Amino acid sequence: MTVRPAAALRSRGVWVGFAGTVLVAWGSCHPEFSFSPDGWPAGWVNAVGLAAAMPWNRVLLVVGVVALVWGWWHV
């Protein structure tokens, strides 16, 4: 079944999946997930990651993954 892009963007699953992607990206920007002891090479990535305090970045990741799974099964 082919769905027009405009119709797909009206789907709640698409937007929940997009929000989940943003949450996973934000949570994983925290310096604790970098392989370098100094954090990410780009300063702006560290700034985005440090906007969420230490336990909250993990919460963002978990909520983002749950949202992605929900969105995947509801598109």
PDB file of N, CA and C in Angstrom:
ATOM      1  N   MET A   1       0.842  -1.178   0.000  1.00  0.00           N
ATOM      2  CA  MET A   1       0.000   0.000   0.000  1.00  0.00           C
ATOM      3  C   MET A   1       0.885   1.239   0.000  1.00  0.00           C
ATOM      4  N   THR A   2       0.621   2.148  -0.897  1.00  0.00           N
ATOM      5  CA  THR A   2       1.392   3.376  -0.990  1.00  0.00           C
ATOM      6  C   THR A   2       0.627   4.500  -0.311  1.00  0.00           C
ATOM      7  N   VAL A   3       1.323   5.242   0.524  1.00  0.00           N
ATOM      8  CA  VAL A   3       0.711   6.367   1.228  1.00  0.00           C
ATOM      9  C   VAL A   3       1.395   7.638   0.762  1.00  0.00           C
ATOM     10  N   ARG A   4       0.606   8.640   0.456  1.00  0.00           N
ATOM     11  CA  ARG A   4       1.181   9.927   0.058  1.00  0.00           C
ATOM     12  C   ARG A   4       1.942  10.532   1.232  1.00  0.00           C
ATOM     13  N   PRO A   5       3.037  11.245   0.986  1.00  0.00           N
ATOM     14  CA  PRO A   5       3.813  11.849   2.084  1.00  0.00           C
ATOM     15  C   PRO A   5       2.982  12.777   2.958  1.00  0.00           C
ATOM     16  N   ALA A   6       2.078  13.544   2.369  1.00  0.00           N
ATOM     17  CA  ALA A   6       1.256  14.459   3.165  1.00  0.00           C
ATOM     18  C   ALA A   6       0.363  13.686   4.130  1.00  0.00           C
ATOM     19  N   ALA A   7      -0.161  12.548   3.683  1.00  0.00           N
ATOM     20  CA  ALA A   7      -1.006  11.733   4.555  1.00  0.00           C
ATOM     21  C   ALA A   7      -0.179  11.075   5.649  1.00  0.00           C
ATOM     22  N   ALA A   8       1.047  10.670   5.314  1.00  0.00           N
ATOM     23  CA  ALA A   8       1.901  10.026   6.315  1.00  0.00           C
ATOM     24  C   ALA A   8       2.278  10.997   7.422  1.00  0.00           C
ATOM     25  N   LEU A   9       2.459  12.274   7.082  1.00  0.00           N
ATOM     26  CA  LEU A   9       2.835  13.254   8.106  1.00  0.00           C
ATOM     27  C   LEU A   9       1.702  13.545   9.077  1.00  0.00           C
ATOM     28  N   ARG A  10       0.489  13.168   8.726  1.00  0.00           N
ATOM     29  CA  ARG A  10      -0.631  13.346   9.656  1.00  0.00           C
ATOM     30  C   ARG A  10      -0.734  12.199  10.658  1.00  0.00           C
ATOM     31  N   SER A  11       0.080  11.188  10.470  1.00  0.00           N
ATOM     32  CA  SER A  11       0.052  10.027  11.356  1.00  0.00           C
ATOM     33  C   SER A  11       0.712  10.358  12.696  1.00  0.00           C
ATOM     34  N   ARG A  12       0.049   9.998  13.769  1.00  0.00           N
ATOM     35  CA  ARG A  12       0.602  10.221  15.104  1.00  0.00           C
ATOM     36  C   ARG A  12       1.889   9.430  15.306  1.00  0.00           C
ATOM     37  N   GLY A  13       1.963   8.239  14.736  1.00  0.00           N
ATOM     38  CA  GLY A  13       3.158   7.413  14.871  1.00  0.00           C
ATOM     39  C   GLY A  13       4.397   8.070  14.295  1.00  0.00           C
ATOM     40  N   VAL A  14       4.237   8.800  13.191  1.00  0.00           N
ATOM     41  CA  VAL A  14       5.377   9.494  12.584  1.00  0.00           C
ATOM     42  C   VAL A  14       5.917  10.542  13.539  1.00  0.00           C
ATOM     43  N   TRP A  15       5.046  11.324  14.137  1.00  0.00           N
ATOM     44  CA  TRP A  15       5.492  12.404  15.027  1.00  0.00           C
ATOM     45  C   TRP A  15       6.022  11.876  16.347  1.00  0.00           C
ATOM     46  N   VAL A  16       5.445  10.799  16.853  1.00  0.00           N
ATOM     47  CA  VAL A  16       5.990  10.185  18.073  1.00  0.00           C
ATOM     48  C   VAL A  16       7.368   9.600  17.773  1.00  0.00           C
ATOM     49  N   GLY A  17       7.531   8.994  16.616  1.00  0.00           N
ATOM     50  CA  GLY A  17       8.833   8.474  16.218  1.00  0.00           C
ATOM     51  C   GLY A  17       9.862   9.578  16.047  1.00  0.00           C
ATOM     52  N   PHE A  18       9.450  10.704  15.477  1.00  0.00           N
ATOM     53  CA  PHE A  18      10.356  11.844  15.323  1.00  0.00           C
ATOM     54  C   PHE A  18      10.778  12.381  16.685  1.00  0.00           C
ATOM     55  N   ALA A  19       9.816  12.520  17.599  1.00  0.00           N
ATOM     56  CA  ALA A  19      10.149  12.983  18.951  1.00  0.00           C
ATOM     57  C   ALA A  19      11.087  11.996  19.641  1.00  0.00           C
ATOM     58  N   GLY A  20      10.857  10.705  19.452  1.00  0.00           N
ATOM     59  CA  GLY A  20      11.745   9.697  20.022  1.00  0.00           C
ATOM     60  C   GLY A  20      13.151   9.802  19.475  1.00  0.00           C
ATOM     61  N   THR A  21      13.271  10.076  18.183  1.00  0.00           N
ATOM     62  CA  THR A  21      14.588  10.250  17.573  1.00  0.00           C
ATOM     63  C   THR A  21      15.315  11.436  18.175  1.00  0.00           C
ATOM     64  N   VAL A  22      14.602  12.538  18.370  1.00  0.00           N
ATOM     65  CA  VAL A  22      15.207  13.732  18.971  1.00  0.00           C
ATOM     66  C   VAL A  22      15.649  13.442  20.401  1.00  0.00           C
ATOM     67  N   LEU A  23      14.835  12.723  21.165  1.00  0.00           N
ATOM     68  CA  LEU A  23      15.193  12.409  22.550  1.00  0.00           C
ATOM     69  C   LEU A  23      16.418  11.502  22.621  1.00  0.00           C
ATOM     70  N   VAL A  24      16.489  10.508  21.755  1.00  0.00           N
ATOM     71  CA  VAL A  24      17.660   9.622  21.738  1.00  0.00           C
ATOM     72  C   VAL A  24      18.903  10.408  21.341  1.00  0.00           C
ATOM     73  N   ALA A  25      18.769  11.268  20.347  1.00  0.00           N
ATOM     74  CA  ALA A  25      19.919  12.077  19.920  1.00  0.00           C
ATOM     75  C   ALA A  25      20.380  13.001  21.036  1.00  0.00           C
ATOM     76  N   TRP A  26      19.447  13.640  21.719  1.00  0.00           N
ATOM     77  CA  TRP A  26      19.802  14.559  22.798  1.00  0.00           C
ATOM     78  C   TRP A  26      20.465  13.805  23.948  1.00  0.00           C
ATOM     79  N   GLY A  27      19.875  12.696  24.349  1.00  0.00           N
ATOM     80  CA  GLY A  27      20.444  11.930  25.457  1.00  0.00           C
ATOM     81  C   GLY A  27      21.816  11.362  25.154  1.00  0.00           C
ATOM     82  N   SER A  28      22.041  10.973  23.907  1.00  0.00           N
ATOM     83  CA  SER A  28      23.333  10.376  23.566  1.00  0.00           C
ATOM     84  C   SER A  28      24.414  11.412  23.282  1.00  0.00           C
ATOM     85  N   CYS A  29      24.068  12.688  23.259  1.00  0.00           N
ATOM     86  CA  CYS A  29      25.077  13.747  23.094  1.00  0.00           C
ATOM     87  C   CYS A  29      25.837  14.009  24.393  1.00  0.00           C
ATOM     88  N   HIS A  30      25.412  13.413  25.486  1.00  0.00           N
ATOM     89  CA  HIS A  30      26.098  13.633  26.764  1.00  0.00           C
ATOM     90  C   HIS A  30      27.529  13.106  26.667  1.00  0.00           C
ATOM     91  N   PRO A  31      28.496  13.810  27.254  1.00  0.00           N
ATOM     92  CA  PRO A  31      29.899  13.385  27.166  1.00  0.00           C
ATOM     93  C   PRO A  31      30.181  11.982  27.703  1.00  0.00           C
ATOM     94  N   GLU A  32      29.314  11.436  28.556  1.00  0.00           N
ATOM     95  CA  GLU A  32      29.575  10.093  29.085  1.00  0.00           C
ATOM     96  C   GLU A  32      29.511   9.026  27.997  1.00  0.00           C
ATOM     97  N   PHE A  33      28.875   9.322  26.866  1.00  0.00           N
ATOM     98  CA  PHE A  33      28.781   8.356  25.775  1.00  0.00           C
ATOM     99  C   PHE A  33      29.885   8.533  24.741  1.00  0.00           C
ATOM    100  N   SER A  34      30.767   9.485  24.964  1.00  0.00           N
ATOM    101  CA  SER A  34      31.884   9.714  24.050  1.00  0.00           C
ATOM    102  C   SER A  34      33.017   8.746  24.377  1.00  0.00           C
ATOM    103  N   PHE A  35      33.771   8.355  23.369  1.00  0.00           N
ATOM    104  CA  PHE A  35      34.922   7.480  23.595  1.00  0.00           C
ATOM    105  C   PHE A  35      36.131   8.257  24.087  1.00  0.00           C
ATOM    106  N   SER A  36      36.081   9.566  23.995  1.00  0.00           N
ATOM    107  CA  SER A  36      37.185  10.410  24.446  1.00  0.00           C
ATOM    108  C   SER A  36      36.950  10.822  25.897  1.00  0.00           C
ATOM    109  N   PRO A  37      37.975  10.839  26.739  1.00  0.00           N
ATOM    110  CA  PRO A  37      37.780  11.271  28.123  1.00  0.00           C
ATOM    111  C   PRO A  37      37.407  12.749  28.234  1.00  0.00           C
ATOM    112  N   ASP A  38      37.678  13.524  27.182  1.00  0.00           N
ATOM    113  CA  ASP A  38      37.339  14.952  27.191  1.00  0.00           C
ATOM    114  C   ASP A  38      35.950  15.228  26.639  1.00  0.00           C
ATOM    115  N   GLY A  39      35.219  14.209  26.284  1.00  0.00           N
ATOM    116  CA  GLY A  39      33.894  14.399  25.701  1.00  0.00           C
ATOM    117  C   GLY A  39      33.953  14.384  24.186  1.00  0.00           C
ATOM    118  N   TRP A  40      32.931  14.883  23.562  1.00  0.00           N
ATOM    119  CA  TRP A  40      32.848  14.896  22.105  1.00  0.00           C
ATOM    120  C   TRP A  40      33.800  15.932  21.539  1.00  0.00           C
ATOM    121  N   PRO A  41      34.352  15.682  20.347  1.00  0.00           N
ATOM    122  CA  PRO A  41      35.280  16.641  19.742  1.00  0.00           C
ATOM    123  C   PRO A  41      34.635  18.000  19.445  1.00  0.00           C
ATOM    124  N   ALA A  42      33.367  18.000  19.063  1.00  0.00           N
ATOM    125  CA  ALA A  42      32.673  19.256  18.769  1.00  0.00           C
ATOM    126  C   ALA A  42      32.090  19.832  20.056  1.00  0.00           C
ATOM    127  N   GLY A  43      32.407  21.075  20.321  1.00  0.00           N
ATOM    128  CA  GLY A  43      31.919  21.717  21.541  1.00  0.00           C
ATOM    129  C   GLY A  43      30.412  21.845  21.598  1.00  0.00           C
ATOM    130  N   TRP A  44      29.773  22.027  20.444  1.00  0.00           N
ATOM    131  CA  TRP A  44      28.323  22.190  20.457  1.00  0.00           C
ATOM    132  C   TRP A  44      27.617  20.891  20.832  1.00  0.00           C
ATOM    133  N   VAL A  45      28.223  19.748  20.500  1.00  0.00           N
ATOM    134  CA  VAL A  45      27.625  18.462  20.885  1.00  0.00           C
ATOM    135  C   VAL A  45      27.677  18.312  22.401  1.00  0.00           C
ATOM    136  N   ASN A  46      28.801  18.666  23.010  1.00  0.00           N
ATOM    137  CA  ASN A  46      28.902  18.639  24.470  1.00  0.00           C
ATOM    138  C   ASN A  46      27.892  19.591  25.099  1.00  0.00           C
ATOM    139  N   ALA A  47      27.714  20.764  24.499  1.00  0.00           N
ATOM    140  CA  ALA A  47      26.768  21.740  25.049  1.00  0.00           C
ATOM    141  C   ALA A  47      25.342  21.203  25.014  1.00  0.00           C
ATOM    142  N   VAL A  48      24.976  20.573  23.911  1.00  0.00           N
ATOM    143  CA  VAL A  48      23.636  19.987  23.809  1.00  0.00           C
ATOM    144  C   VAL A  48      23.483  18.858  24.821  1.00  0.00           C
ATOM    145  N   GLY A  49      24.491  18.015  24.923  1.00  0.00           N
ATOM    146  CA  GLY A  49      24.422  16.888  25.851  1.00  0.00           C
ATOM    147  C   GLY A  49      24.394  17.307  27.304  1.00  0.00           C
ATOM    148  N   LEU A  50      25.127  18.356  27.636  1.00  0.00           N
ATOM    149  CA  LEU A  50      25.167  18.813  29.026  1.00  0.00           C
ATOM    150  C   LEU A  50      23.939  19.626  29.415  1.00  0.00           C
ATOM    151  N   ALA A  51      23.060  19.918  28.452  1.00  0.00           N
ATOM    152  CA  ALA A  51      21.813  20.610  28.777  1.00  0.00           C
ATOM    153  C   ALA A  51      20.892  19.716  29.609  1.00  0.00           C
ATOM    154  N   ALA A  52      21.086  18.414  29.525  1.00  0.00           N
ATOM    155  CA  ALA A  52      20.344  17.463  30.354  1.00  0.00           C
ATOM    156  C   ALA A  52      21.317  16.896  31.386  1.00  0.00           C
ATOM    157  N   ALA A  53      20.981  17.051  32.646  1.00  0.00           N
ATOM    158  CA  ALA A  53      21.859  16.580  33.726  1.00  0.00           C
ATOM    159  C   ALA A  53      22.044  15.062  33.650  1.00  0.00           C
ATOM    160  N   MET A  54      23.012  14.578  34.419  1.00  0.00           N
ATOM    161  CA  MET A  54      23.472  13.185  34.339  1.00  0.00           C
ATOM    162  C   MET A  54      22.358  12.128  34.382  1.00  0.00           C
ATOM    163  N   PRO A  55      21.468  12.093  35.345  1.00  0.00           N
ATOM    164  CA  PRO A  55      20.488  10.996  35.265  1.00  0.00           C
ATOM    165  C   PRO A  55      19.431  11.232  34.183  1.00  0.00           C
ATOM    166  N   TRP A  56      19.181  12.480  33.823  1.00  0.00           N
ATOM    167  CA  TRP A  56      18.119  12.777  32.867  1.00  0.00           C
ATOM    168  C   TRP A  56      18.488  12.386  31.447  1.00  0.00           C
ATOM    169  N   ASN A  57      19.785  12.380  31.121  1.00  0.00           N
ATOM    170  CA  ASN A  57      20.153  11.966  29.769  1.00  0.00           C
ATOM    171  C   ASN A  57      19.800  10.497  29.541  1.00  0.00           C
ATOM    172  N   ARG A  58      19.906   9.688  30.567  1.00  0.00           N
ATOM    173  CA  ARG A  58      19.530   8.272  30.440  1.00  0.00           C
ATOM    174  C   ARG A  58      18.019   8.114  30.332  1.00  0.00           C
ATOM    175  N   VAL A  59      17.291   8.953  31.063  1.00  0.00           N
ATOM    176  CA  VAL A  59      15.830   8.937  30.963  1.00  0.00           C
ATOM    177  C   VAL A  59      15.404   9.337  29.551  1.00  0.00           C
ATOM    178  N   LEU A  60      16.067  10.358  28.990  1.00  0.00           N
ATOM    179  CA  LEU A  60      15.764  10.771  27.619  1.00  0.00           C
ATOM    180  C   LEU A  60      15.978   9.621  26.640  1.00  0.00           C
ATOM    181  N   LEU A  61      17.060   8.881  26.828  1.00  0.00           N
ATOM    182  CA  LEU A  61      17.343   7.746  25.944  1.00  0.00           C
ATOM    183  C   LEU A  61      16.258   6.677  26.039  1.00  0.00           C
ATOM    184  N   VAL A  62      15.885   6.324  27.246  1.00  0.00           N
ATOM    185  CA  VAL A  62      14.890   5.257  27.432  1.00  0.00           C
ATOM    186  C   VAL A  62      13.530   5.689  26.887  1.00  0.00           C
ATOM    187  N   VAL A  63      13.109   6.904  27.215  1.00  0.00           N
ATOM    188  CA  VAL A  63      11.821   7.396  26.716  1.00  0.00           C
ATOM    189  C   VAL A  63      11.851   7.505  25.193  1.00  0.00           C
ATOM    190  N   GLY A  64      12.986   7.938  24.653  1.00  0.00           N
ATOM    191  CA  GLY A  64      13.117   8.024  23.204  1.00  0.00           C
ATOM    192  C   GLY A  64      13.022   6.674  22.524  1.00  0.00           C
ATOM    193  N   VAL A  65      13.646   5.668  23.096  1.00  0.00           N
ATOM    194  CA  VAL A  65      13.576   4.320  22.515  1.00  0.00           C
ATOM    195  C   VAL A  65      12.151   3.785  22.587  1.00  0.00           C
ATOM    196  N   VAL A  66      11.482   4.004  23.704  1.00  0.00           N
ATOM    197  CA  VAL A  66      10.087   3.557  23.832  1.00  0.00           C
ATOM    198  C   VAL A  66       9.213   4.271  22.801  1.00  0.00           C
ATOM    199  N   ALA A  67       9.430   5.571  22.617  1.00  0.00           N
ATOM    200  CA  ALA A  67       8.655   6.320  21.624  1.00  0.00           C
ATOM    201  C   ALA A  67       8.934   5.821  20.211  1.00  0.00           C
ATOM    202  N   LEU A  68      10.190   5.506  19.920  1.00  0.00           N
ATOM    203  CA  LEU A  68      10.521   4.974  18.595  1.00  0.00           C
ATOM    204  C   LEU A  68       9.844   3.632  18.342  1.00  0.00           C
ATOM    205  N   VAL A  69       9.835   2.778  19.339  1.00  0.00           N
ATOM    206  CA  VAL A  69       9.181   1.470  19.179  1.00  0.00           C
ATOM    207  C   VAL A  69       7.686   1.655  18.982  1.00  0.00           C
ATOM    208  N   TRP A  70       7.079   2.531  19.788  1.00  0.00           N
ATOM    209  CA  TRP A  70       5.639   2.779  19.647  1.00  0.00           C
ATOM    210  C   TRP A  70       5.339   3.343  18.264  1.00  0.00           C
ATOM    211  N   GLY A  71       6.137   4.329  17.848  1.00  0.00           N
ATOM    212  CA  GLY A  71       5.926   4.929  16.535  1.00  0.00           C
ATOM    213  C   GLY A  71       6.096   3.930  15.405  1.00  0.00           C
ATOM    214  N   TRP A  72       7.075   3.044  15.543  1.00  0.00           N
ATOM    215  CA  TRP A  72       7.325   2.040  14.507  1.00  0.00           C
ATOM    216  C   TRP A  72       6.102   1.151  14.301  1.00  0.00           C
ATOM    217  N   TRP A  73       5.467   0.744  15.384  1.00  0.00           N
ATOM    218  CA  TRP A  73       4.344  -0.175  15.278  1.00  0.00           C
ATOM    219  C   TRP A  73       3.017   0.521  15.018  1.00  0.00           C
ATOM    220  N   HIS A  74       3.010   1.856  14.995  1.00  0.00           N
ATOM    221  CA  HIS A  74       1.760   2.578  14.757  1.00  0.00           C
ATOM    222  C   HIS A  74       1.801   3.443  13.502  1.00  0.00           C
ATOM    223  N   VAL A  75       2.763   3.193  12.637  1.00  0.00           N
ATOM    224  CA  VAL A  75       2.793   3.939  11.364  1.00  0.00           C
ATOM    225  C   VAL A  75       2.087   3.116  10.323  1.00  0.00           C
TER     226      VAL A  75
END
